[in-house]
Protein backbone atom coordinates (compact mmCIF):
# COMPACT_ATOMS: atom_id res chain seq x y z
CA UNK A 1 142.60 0.83 -26.62
CA UNK A 2 140.25 -1.17 -24.36
CA UNK A 3 141.95 -4.42 -25.42
CA UNK A 4 145.44 -3.03 -24.79
CA UNK A 5 144.49 -1.74 -21.34
CA UNK A 6 142.91 -5.07 -20.41
CA UNK A 7 145.90 -7.06 -21.67
CA UNK A 8 148.43 -4.92 -19.78
CA UNK A 9 146.34 -4.94 -16.59
CA UNK A 10 145.91 -8.70 -16.65
CA UNK A 11 149.60 -9.29 -17.44
CA UNK A 12 150.85 -7.23 -14.51
CA UNK A 13 148.19 -8.13 -11.94
CA UNK A 14 148.65 -11.83 -12.59
CA UNK A 15 152.42 -11.44 -12.45
CA UNK A 16 152.23 -9.40 -9.24
CA UNK A 17 150.23 -12.16 -7.54
CA UNK A 18 152.84 -14.68 -8.55
CA UNK A 19 155.92 -12.70 -7.54
CA UNK A 20 154.62 -11.01 -4.37
CA UNK A 21 152.50 -13.77 -2.85
CA UNK A 22 153.47 -17.11 -4.32
CA UNK A 23 157.17 -16.54 -4.94
CA UNK A 24 158.61 -14.13 -2.39
CA UNK A 25 156.15 -14.96 0.39
CA UNK A 26 155.05 -18.58 -0.01
CA UNK A 27 158.18 -20.08 -1.54
CA UNK A 28 160.85 -18.03 0.22
CA UNK A 29 159.23 -16.48 3.30
CA UNK A 30 160.84 -13.08 2.74
CA UNK A 31 158.20 -11.55 5.00
CA UNK A 32 155.35 -12.60 7.25
CA UNK A 33 151.69 -11.62 7.26
CA UNK A 34 148.61 -12.33 9.32
CA UNK A 35 146.26 -15.18 8.44
CA UNK A 36 143.67 -12.62 7.38
CA UNK A 37 146.00 -10.95 4.89
CA UNK A 38 147.15 -14.34 3.69
CA UNK A 39 143.55 -15.29 2.87
CA UNK A 40 143.10 -11.95 1.10
CA UNK A 41 146.09 -12.66 -1.14
CA UNK A 42 144.84 -16.17 -1.89
CA UNK A 43 141.62 -14.63 -3.22
CA UNK A 44 143.45 -11.81 -5.02
CA UNK A 45 145.66 -14.39 -6.73
CA UNK A 46 142.62 -16.36 -7.86
CA UNK A 47 140.96 -13.27 -9.32
CA UNK A 48 144.07 -12.00 -11.10
CA UNK A 49 145.42 -15.33 -12.36
CA UNK A 50 141.98 -16.47 -13.40
CA UNK A 51 141.99 -19.39 -15.80
CA UNK A 52 145.68 -20.11 -15.13
CA UNK A 53 145.32 -20.10 -11.32
CA UNK A 54 148.21 -21.87 -9.62
CA UNK A 55 147.94 -23.55 -6.24
CA UNK A 56 150.12 -21.49 -3.90
CA UNK A 57 151.17 -24.55 -1.92
CA UNK A 58 152.09 -26.47 -5.07
CA UNK A 59 153.92 -23.49 -6.56
CA UNK A 60 155.97 -23.03 -3.38
CA UNK A 61 156.95 -26.68 -3.13
CA UNK A 62 157.95 -26.90 -6.78
CA UNK A 63 159.91 -23.66 -6.65
CA UNK A 64 161.83 -24.79 -3.59
CA UNK A 65 162.76 -27.93 -5.50
CA UNK A 66 163.98 -25.75 -8.36
CA UNK A 67 166.38 -23.91 -6.05
CA UNK A 68 167.61 -27.04 -4.32
CA UNK A 69 168.10 -29.03 -7.55
CA UNK A 70 168.79 -26.27 -10.09
CA UNK A 71 169.97 -27.67 -13.44
CA UNK A 72 170.03 -31.26 -12.24
CA UNK A 73 167.68 -34.05 -13.29
CA UNK A 74 165.53 -33.32 -10.22
CA UNK A 75 164.94 -29.72 -11.30
CA UNK A 76 161.25 -29.40 -12.32
CA UNK A 77 162.14 -27.04 -15.18
CA UNK A 78 165.74 -26.84 -16.29
CA UNK A 79 166.21 -26.04 -20.01
CA UNK A 80 169.34 -28.16 -19.86
CA UNK A 81 167.25 -31.30 -20.40
CA UNK A 82 164.77 -30.13 -23.03
CA UNK A 83 165.02 -29.25 -26.69
CA UNK A 84 162.55 -26.35 -26.55
CA UNK A 85 160.54 -24.26 -24.16
CA UNK A 86 157.28 -26.11 -24.87
CA UNK A 87 158.56 -29.54 -23.88
CA UNK A 88 160.11 -28.07 -20.75
CA UNK A 89 156.86 -26.41 -19.70
CA UNK A 90 154.86 -29.56 -20.43
CA UNK A 91 157.20 -31.44 -18.10
CA UNK A 92 156.75 -28.66 -15.53
CA UNK A 93 152.98 -29.01 -15.85
CA UNK A 94 153.22 -32.76 -15.20
CA UNK A 95 155.40 -32.26 -12.12
CA UNK A 96 153.06 -29.54 -10.87
CA UNK A 97 150.00 -31.78 -11.32
CA UNK A 98 151.69 -34.68 -9.53
CA UNK A 99 152.54 -32.43 -6.57
CA UNK A 100 149.02 -30.97 -6.46
CA UNK A 101 147.46 -34.46 -6.57
CA UNK A 102 149.91 -35.57 -3.84
CA UNK A 103 151.35 -38.28 -6.07
CA UNK A 104 154.86 -36.81 -5.91
CA UNK A 105 157.05 -37.54 -2.89
CA UNK A 106 158.16 -34.23 -1.37
CA UNK A 107 161.04 -34.03 1.08
CA UNK A 108 160.06 -32.67 4.49
CA UNK A 109 162.53 -29.79 4.23
CA UNK A 110 160.48 -28.29 1.38
CA UNK A 111 157.22 -28.30 3.37
CA UNK A 112 158.29 -25.93 6.15
CA UNK A 113 155.92 -22.95 6.64
CA UNK A 114 154.22 -23.33 3.28
CA UNK A 115 150.86 -21.47 3.34
CA UNK A 116 147.84 -23.66 2.66
CA UNK A 117 144.12 -23.19 2.10
CA UNK A 118 143.11 -26.58 0.80
CA UNK A 119 139.36 -25.96 0.53
CA UNK A 120 139.89 -22.77 -1.46
CA UNK A 121 142.43 -24.48 -3.70
CA UNK A 122 139.98 -27.26 -4.49
CA UNK A 123 137.47 -24.65 -5.66
CA UNK A 124 139.85 -22.28 -7.47
CA UNK A 125 141.78 -25.09 -9.11
CA UNK A 126 138.70 -26.71 -10.62
CA UNK A 127 137.63 -26.71 -14.26
CA UNK A 128 134.45 -24.71 -13.68
CA UNK A 129 136.26 -21.53 -12.52
CA UNK A 130 138.85 -21.92 -15.30
CA UNK A 131 136.13 -22.15 -17.93
CA UNK A 132 134.34 -19.16 -16.38
CA UNK A 133 137.46 -16.98 -16.53
CA UNK A 134 138.33 -18.08 -20.07
CA UNK A 135 134.76 -17.31 -21.14
CA UNK A 136 134.93 -13.89 -19.49
CA UNK A 137 138.16 -13.01 -21.34
CA UNK A 138 136.67 -14.18 -24.63
CA UNK A 139 133.47 -12.19 -24.08
CA UNK A 140 135.46 -9.06 -23.34
CA UNK A 141 137.37 -9.47 -26.59
CA UNK A 142 134.20 -10.18 -28.54
CA UNK A 143 132.74 -6.88 -27.29
CA UNK A 144 135.80 -4.64 -27.56
CA UNK A 145 138.10 -6.13 -30.22
CA UNK A 146 138.29 -4.06 -33.39
CA UNK A 147 140.55 -6.34 -35.44
CA UNK A 148 141.07 -10.08 -35.87
CA UNK A 149 144.70 -10.00 -34.74
CA UNK A 150 143.68 -8.91 -31.24
CA UNK A 151 142.27 -12.39 -30.65
CA UNK A 152 145.82 -13.72 -30.91
CA UNK A 153 146.38 -12.30 -27.42
CA UNK A 154 143.69 -14.50 -25.87
CA UNK A 155 145.93 -17.59 -25.35
CA UNK A 156 148.21 -15.44 -23.20
CA UNK A 157 145.23 -14.53 -21.02
CA UNK A 158 144.22 -18.19 -20.77
CA UNK A 159 147.71 -19.29 -19.68
CA UNK A 160 149.30 -16.20 -18.14
CA UNK A 161 150.93 -18.13 -15.28
CA UNK A 162 152.71 -20.68 -17.50
CA UNK A 163 153.70 -17.89 -19.92
CA UNK A 164 155.36 -15.93 -17.12
CA UNK A 165 157.07 -19.11 -15.94
CA UNK A 166 158.34 -19.95 -19.42
CA UNK A 167 159.97 -16.54 -19.83
CA UNK A 168 162.02 -16.93 -16.65
CA UNK A 169 162.54 -20.68 -16.45
CA UNK A 170 163.70 -20.96 -20.04
CA UNK A 171 165.16 -17.66 -21.21
CA UNK A 172 166.68 -16.57 -17.87
CA UNK A 173 168.61 -19.84 -17.79
CA UNK A 174 169.94 -19.37 -21.33
CA UNK A 175 170.44 -15.66 -21.99
CA UNK A 176 171.52 -12.57 -20.10
CA UNK A 177 174.36 -11.64 -17.78
CA UNK A 178 175.61 -12.79 -14.39
CA UNK A 179 176.46 -10.85 -11.27
CA UNK A 180 177.37 -14.07 -9.44
CA UNK A 181 179.10 -17.23 -10.63
CA UNK A 182 177.05 -20.18 -9.42
CA UNK A 183 176.67 -23.90 -9.97
CA UNK A 184 173.64 -23.33 -12.18
CA UNK A 185 172.85 -21.51 -15.41
CA UNK A 186 170.74 -18.70 -13.94
CA UNK A 187 171.16 -15.32 -15.65
CA UNK A 188 169.74 -11.85 -15.29
CA UNK A 189 167.62 -11.61 -18.42
CA UNK A 190 167.11 -7.82 -18.52
CA UNK A 191 169.30 -4.96 -17.32
CA UNK A 192 166.16 -3.01 -16.39
CA UNK A 193 163.20 -5.26 -15.71
CA UNK A 194 159.84 -3.60 -16.28
CA UNK A 195 158.28 -6.48 -18.21
CA UNK A 196 158.64 -9.10 -15.44
CA UNK A 197 158.48 -6.92 -12.30
CA UNK A 198 161.98 -7.86 -11.15
CA UNK A 199 161.60 -11.60 -11.76
CA UNK A 200 164.15 -11.54 -14.58
CA UNK A 201 166.99 -10.79 -12.13
CA UNK A 202 167.18 -14.55 -11.82
CA UNK A 203 170.90 -14.88 -11.18
CA UNK A 204 170.62 -12.40 -8.31
CA UNK A 205 167.67 -14.33 -6.92
CA UNK A 206 169.44 -17.69 -6.97
CA UNK A 207 172.27 -16.12 -5.00
CA UNK A 208 170.00 -14.33 -2.49
CA UNK A 209 166.91 -16.51 -2.45
CA UNK A 210 165.15 -15.06 0.61
CA UNK A 211 165.96 -11.40 -0.11
CA UNK A 212 162.76 -9.52 -1.08
CA UNK A 213 164.74 -7.21 -3.37
CA UNK A 214 165.77 -9.02 -6.54
CA UNK A 215 167.91 -6.14 -7.76
CA UNK A 216 171.61 -5.80 -6.86
CA UNK A 217 173.26 -3.25 -9.15
CA UNK A 218 172.14 0.38 -9.41
CA UNK A 219 170.24 -0.14 -12.65
CA UNK A 220 168.47 -3.32 -11.51
CA UNK A 221 165.23 -1.72 -10.40
CA UNK A 222 162.83 -4.16 -8.77
CA UNK A 223 159.43 -2.38 -8.74
CA UNK A 224 157.77 -4.98 -6.52
CA UNK A 225 160.32 -4.38 -3.76
CA UNK A 226 159.10 -0.80 -3.39
CA UNK A 227 155.53 -2.04 -3.10
CA UNK A 228 156.73 -4.47 -0.44
CA UNK A 229 158.32 -1.57 1.46
CA UNK A 230 155.01 0.31 1.37
CA UNK A 231 153.07 -2.74 2.57
CA UNK A 232 155.60 -3.17 5.38
CA UNK A 233 155.24 0.49 6.42
CA UNK A 234 151.45 0.09 6.46
CA UNK A 235 151.69 -3.01 8.65
CA UNK A 236 150.21 -5.37 6.04
CA UNK A 237 153.37 -7.49 6.12
CA UNK A 238 156.49 -7.66 8.26
CA UNK A 239 159.83 -7.82 6.47
CA UNK A 240 162.43 -10.23 7.80
CA UNK A 241 166.08 -9.31 8.16
CA UNK A 242 167.89 -10.72 5.09
CA UNK A 243 170.65 -13.16 5.97
CA UNK A 244 174.19 -11.90 5.53
CA UNK A 245 175.33 -15.07 3.78
CA UNK A 246 172.31 -16.35 1.85
CA UNK A 247 172.52 -19.56 -0.14
CA UNK A 248 170.62 -21.03 -3.06
CA UNK A 249 168.48 -23.36 -0.97
CA UNK A 250 167.54 -20.81 1.68
CA UNK A 251 163.73 -20.74 1.80
């Protein structure tokens, strides 16, 4: 039971950091927040993503490229150009690393209002913290695991960020249903998205990029949107007015 609780908690906390802070806030600017709250969410993201910590600046830049170049050769992760999910994600990793190391030329339009905390990124992105988190996960399993098969879950802990990305960037561009016909292959992977906290409504998101609510139809429940509404009511963030005619490249 302890292993199951830990796995579920890590899955959803890591995913929440990605979708609330790095995706909807950093990449798309669906709401604003103070510098103090922004720093809080940087730290929260580091703690919850752990060994698979992603630079928020790098994530935002790469995701904006994905929207602007979806399913073209400039897309950092289109399944159209790869034979399997592993080769696609390896390519994504290489693009991500090049952007983080500032060896990848980024158009100025993608850099607008991207949150940065370079000194924190240099610390959180290093190998020492990654090894620490991986060791902590392993130690927890060594203490609480009651069967050998439980250790098969450890790689997901080690690479939770890339695992979440693979589910959406591969499967939500190959399977599912569409609410909107677009010039890319984005689909809504699940009719009710509990597993990915609304992220699987990918076709909706490509149509309404800056909208904080990824759901459109009555059954498309986006649980993170309701958290966002609570944070807005408490004054932690300030929601922007969604545009009436959003487009794919609206950041």
